[in-house]
Amino acid sequence: MNNQKSNHTMLLVQAAMIAALYVVLTYIANAMGLASSAIQIRFSEALTILPYFTPAAIPGLFVGCFLSNILTGCAIPDIIFGSIATLIGAFFTRRLRKQRMSGSASHPYVSKWLAPVPPILANTLIVPFVLLYAYGIRPLWLSFITVGIGEIISCGVLGTLLLIVLEKYRRSLFPGQY
């Protein structure tokens, strides 16, 4: 019972730290003017690979994105659907890890290098509609391209670099997960 309670506490603390880090990194990108141009780069989106390491990242990323969108003055549809896009990406990133770890015939090995793909896809498919309906940004096809490029840079490049670094320390940073 105590061990289970300790594990829940650890996951809660991890989720809170991830949410706080997401907010701080979003503020840094905003201060640098990187999160408001045609191709938006949020350093915080690199954290979307964290569900590969811990399930605590799923609520942590969702809450972090939700708070970031509120605190940076986003429109209500952006607060809601942008955060849902992050939640969807986080959930499927975790599912990739579960499939990789199970090793059964119905769940073939899935490379850890695919961890950035779910958040890239979720944001690239959802956020352009948010930009259109919440902010009137047109044309829609161009938003798909610019959001996709921003996500590839933020999640794909920065997220993969983060994954490489965290992979070395995963046992000490995410105890009980491996």
Protein backbone atom coordinates (compact mmCIF):
# COMPACT_ATOMS: atom_id res chain seq x y z
CA MET A 1 0.00 0.00 0.00
CA ASN A 2 2.76 2.45 0.94
CA ASN A 3 4.71 1.66 -2.22
CA GLN A 4 1.62 2.25 -4.35
CA LYS A 5 0.95 5.55 -2.57
CA SER A 6 4.57 6.56 -3.10
CA ASN A 7 4.30 5.75 -6.82
CA HIS A 8 1.14 7.87 -7.15
CA THR A 9 2.87 10.73 -5.36
CA MET A 10 5.86 10.43 -7.70
CA LEU A 11 3.59 10.54 -10.77
CA LEU A 12 1.70 13.55 -9.40
CA VAL A 13 4.96 15.41 -8.73
CA GLN A 14 6.26 14.53 -12.22
CA ALA A 15 3.03 15.77 -13.84
CA ALA A 16 3.18 19.05 -11.90
CA MET A 17 6.83 19.59 -12.80
CA ILE A 18 6.15 18.89 -16.47
CA ALA A 19 3.21 21.32 -16.47
CA ALA A 20 5.31 24.04 -14.81
CA LEU A 21 8.22 23.47 -17.18
CA TYR A 22 5.85 23.63 -20.17
CA VAL A 23 4.56 27.04 -18.99
CA VAL A 24 8.07 28.42 -18.40
CA LEU A 25 9.35 27.22 -21.79
CA THR A 26 6.29 28.69 -23.51
CA TYR A 27 6.96 32.05 -21.86
CA ILE A 28 10.59 31.95 -23.02
CA ALA A 29 9.56 31.25 -26.63
CA ASN A 30 6.96 34.03 -26.43
CA ALA A 31 9.52 36.49 -25.02
CA MET A 32 11.83 35.67 -27.91
CA GLY A 33 9.01 36.18 -30.43
CA LEU A 34 9.22 32.58 -31.65
CA ALA A 35 5.68 31.55 -30.74
CA SER A 36 3.83 34.26 -32.63
CA SER A 37 5.30 34.21 -36.14
CA ALA A 38 4.00 32.32 -39.18
CA ILE A 39 6.05 29.29 -38.17
CA GLN A 40 5.59 29.00 -34.42
CA ILE A 41 8.32 27.38 -32.39
CA ARG A 42 7.45 26.55 -28.80
CA PHE A 43 10.35 25.10 -26.85
CA SER A 44 7.71 23.55 -24.60
CA GLU A 45 6.58 21.30 -27.46
CA ALA A 46 9.88 19.41 -27.15
CA LEU A 47 8.42 18.03 -23.91
CA THR A 48 5.81 16.12 -25.91
CA ILE A 49 8.22 13.16 -26.08
CA LEU A 50 7.97 12.74 -22.29
CA PRO A 51 5.04 10.28 -22.39
CA TYR A 52 7.56 7.85 -23.85
CA PHE A 53 9.22 7.90 -20.42
CA THR A 54 6.34 8.41 -17.97
CA PRO A 55 2.53 8.33 -18.00
CA ALA A 56 2.64 11.42 -15.77
CA ALA A 57 3.53 13.44 -18.84
CA ILE A 58 0.05 13.00 -20.32
CA PRO A 59 -1.79 15.13 -17.74
CA GLY A 60 1.32 17.27 -17.21
CA LEU A 61 1.48 18.29 -20.86
CA PHE A 62 -2.26 18.87 -21.05
CA VAL A 63 -2.34 21.09 -17.97
CA GLY A 64 0.85 22.88 -19.03
CA CYS A 65 -0.54 23.63 -22.49
CA PHE A 66 -3.91 24.67 -21.06
CA LEU A 67 -2.30 27.08 -18.57
CA SER A 68 0.16 28.40 -21.17
CA ASN A 69 -2.64 29.15 -23.59
CA ILE A 70 -4.61 30.97 -20.89
CA LEU A 71 -1.62 32.92 -19.57
CA THR A 72 -0.43 34.00 -23.03
CA GLY A 73 -3.85 35.36 -23.94
CA CYS A 74 -5.03 32.80 -26.47
CA ALA A 75 -8.61 32.71 -27.70
CA ILE A 76 -11.01 30.27 -26.00
CA PRO A 77 -11.03 27.80 -28.96
CA ASP A 78 -7.22 27.80 -28.87
CA ILE A 79 -7.18 27.18 -25.13
CA ILE A 80 -9.57 24.25 -25.51
CA PHE A 81 -8.64 22.63 -28.82
CA GLY A 82 -4.91 23.42 -28.68
CA SER A 83 -4.77 21.69 -25.31
CA ILE A 84 -6.80 18.76 -26.62
CA ALA A 85 -4.36 18.41 -29.54
CA THR A 86 -1.52 18.20 -27.01
CA LEU A 87 -3.47 15.64 -24.96
CA ILE A 88 -4.12 13.47 -28.03
CA GLY A 89 -0.46 13.62 -29.06
CA ALA A 90 0.68 12.73 -25.54
CA PHE A 91 -1.74 9.82 -25.29
CA PHE A 92 -0.59 8.27 -28.56
CA THR A 93 3.08 8.84 -27.74
CA ARG A 94 2.52 6.78 -24.59
CA ARG A 95 0.71 4.11 -26.64
CA LEU A 96 3.80 3.82 -28.86
CA ARG A 97 5.90 3.04 -25.81
CA LYS A 98 3.42 0.48 -24.54
CA GLN A 99 3.47 -1.26 -27.90
CA ARG A 100 7.26 -1.23 -27.93
CA MET A 101 7.51 -2.62 -24.43
CA SER A 102 4.90 -5.37 -24.88
CA GLY A 103 6.79 -7.15 -27.66
CA SER A 104 3.85 -9.38 -28.64
CA ALA A 105 3.08 -10.32 -32.23
CA SER A 106 0.02 -8.07 -32.29
CA HIS A 107 2.11 -5.16 -31.03
CA PRO A 108 5.33 -5.12 -33.03
CA TYR A 109 8.40 -3.18 -31.94
CA VAL A 110 7.90 0.54 -32.48
CA SER A 111 11.01 2.68 -32.46
CA LYS A 112 11.44 5.34 -29.79
CA TRP A 113 12.33 7.70 -32.62
CA LEU A 114 8.62 7.77 -33.52
CA ALA A 115 7.77 9.44 -30.16
CA PRO A 116 7.50 12.94 -31.74
CA VAL A 117 5.16 11.77 -34.52
CA PRO A 118 1.81 11.72 -32.60
CA PRO A 119 2.12 15.31 -31.30
CA ILE A 120 3.30 16.53 -34.71
CA LEU A 121 0.28 14.92 -36.38
CA ALA A 122 -2.25 15.94 -33.72
CA ASN A 123 -1.19 19.59 -33.77
CA THR A 124 -0.78 19.75 -37.54
CA LEU A 125 -4.30 18.40 -38.06
CA ILE A 126 -6.10 20.37 -35.30
CA VAL A 127 -4.33 23.72 -34.84
CA PRO A 128 -4.89 25.07 -38.40
CA PHE A 129 -8.64 24.88 -37.82
CA VAL A 130 -8.17 26.73 -34.52
CA LEU A 131 -6.18 29.41 -36.34
CA LEU A 132 -8.94 29.74 -38.93
CA TYR A 133 -11.96 29.82 -36.61
CA ALA A 134 -10.45 31.56 -33.57
CA TYR A 135 -8.19 34.08 -35.31
CA GLY A 136 -9.39 34.19 -38.93
CA ILE A 137 -5.99 33.18 -40.28
CA ARG A 138 -6.24 32.15 -43.93
CA PRO A 139 -5.64 30.27 -46.12
CA LEU A 140 -6.19 27.01 -44.27
CA TRP A 141 -3.80 25.05 -46.48
CA LEU A 142 -0.96 27.42 -45.60
CA SER A 143 -1.67 26.96 -41.88
CA PHE A 144 -1.30 23.20 -42.32
CA ILE A 145 2.15 23.79 -43.81
CA THR A 146 3.35 26.39 -41.29
CA VAL A 147 2.00 24.55 -38.25
CA GLY A 148 3.52 21.31 -39.56
CA ILE A 149 6.93 22.95 -40.01
CA GLY A 150 6.78 24.48 -36.53
CA GLU A 151 5.82 21.13 -35.01
CA ILE A 152 8.58 19.30 -36.87
CA ILE A 153 11.10 21.79 -35.48
CA SER A 154 9.64 21.88 -31.95
CA CYS A 155 8.61 18.25 -31.44
CA GLY A 156 10.68 16.49 -34.08
CA VAL A 157 14.06 18.18 -33.82
CA LEU A 158 14.06 19.63 -30.29
CA GLY A 159 12.00 16.73 -28.91
CA THR A 160 14.36 14.15 -30.41
CA LEU A 161 17.37 15.97 -28.95
CA LEU A 162 15.65 15.92 -25.56
CA LEU A 163 14.84 12.22 -25.97
CA ILE A 164 18.51 11.44 -26.67
CA VAL A 165 19.61 13.28 -23.52
CA LEU A 166 16.87 11.82 -21.29
CA GLU A 167 17.46 8.29 -22.55
CA LYS A 168 20.83 8.30 -20.77
CA TYR A 169 19.27 9.24 -17.43
CA ARG A 170 15.85 7.58 -17.72
CA ARG A 171 16.28 5.20 -14.79
CA SER A 172 17.15 7.95 -12.32
CA LEU A 173 14.71 10.55 -13.71
CA PHE A 174 11.78 8.16 -14.10
CA PRO A 175 12.21 5.53 -11.37
CA GLY A 176 9.84 2.61 -11.52
CA GLN A 177 9.16 3.14 -15.22
CA TYR A 178 11.91 0.80 -16.42
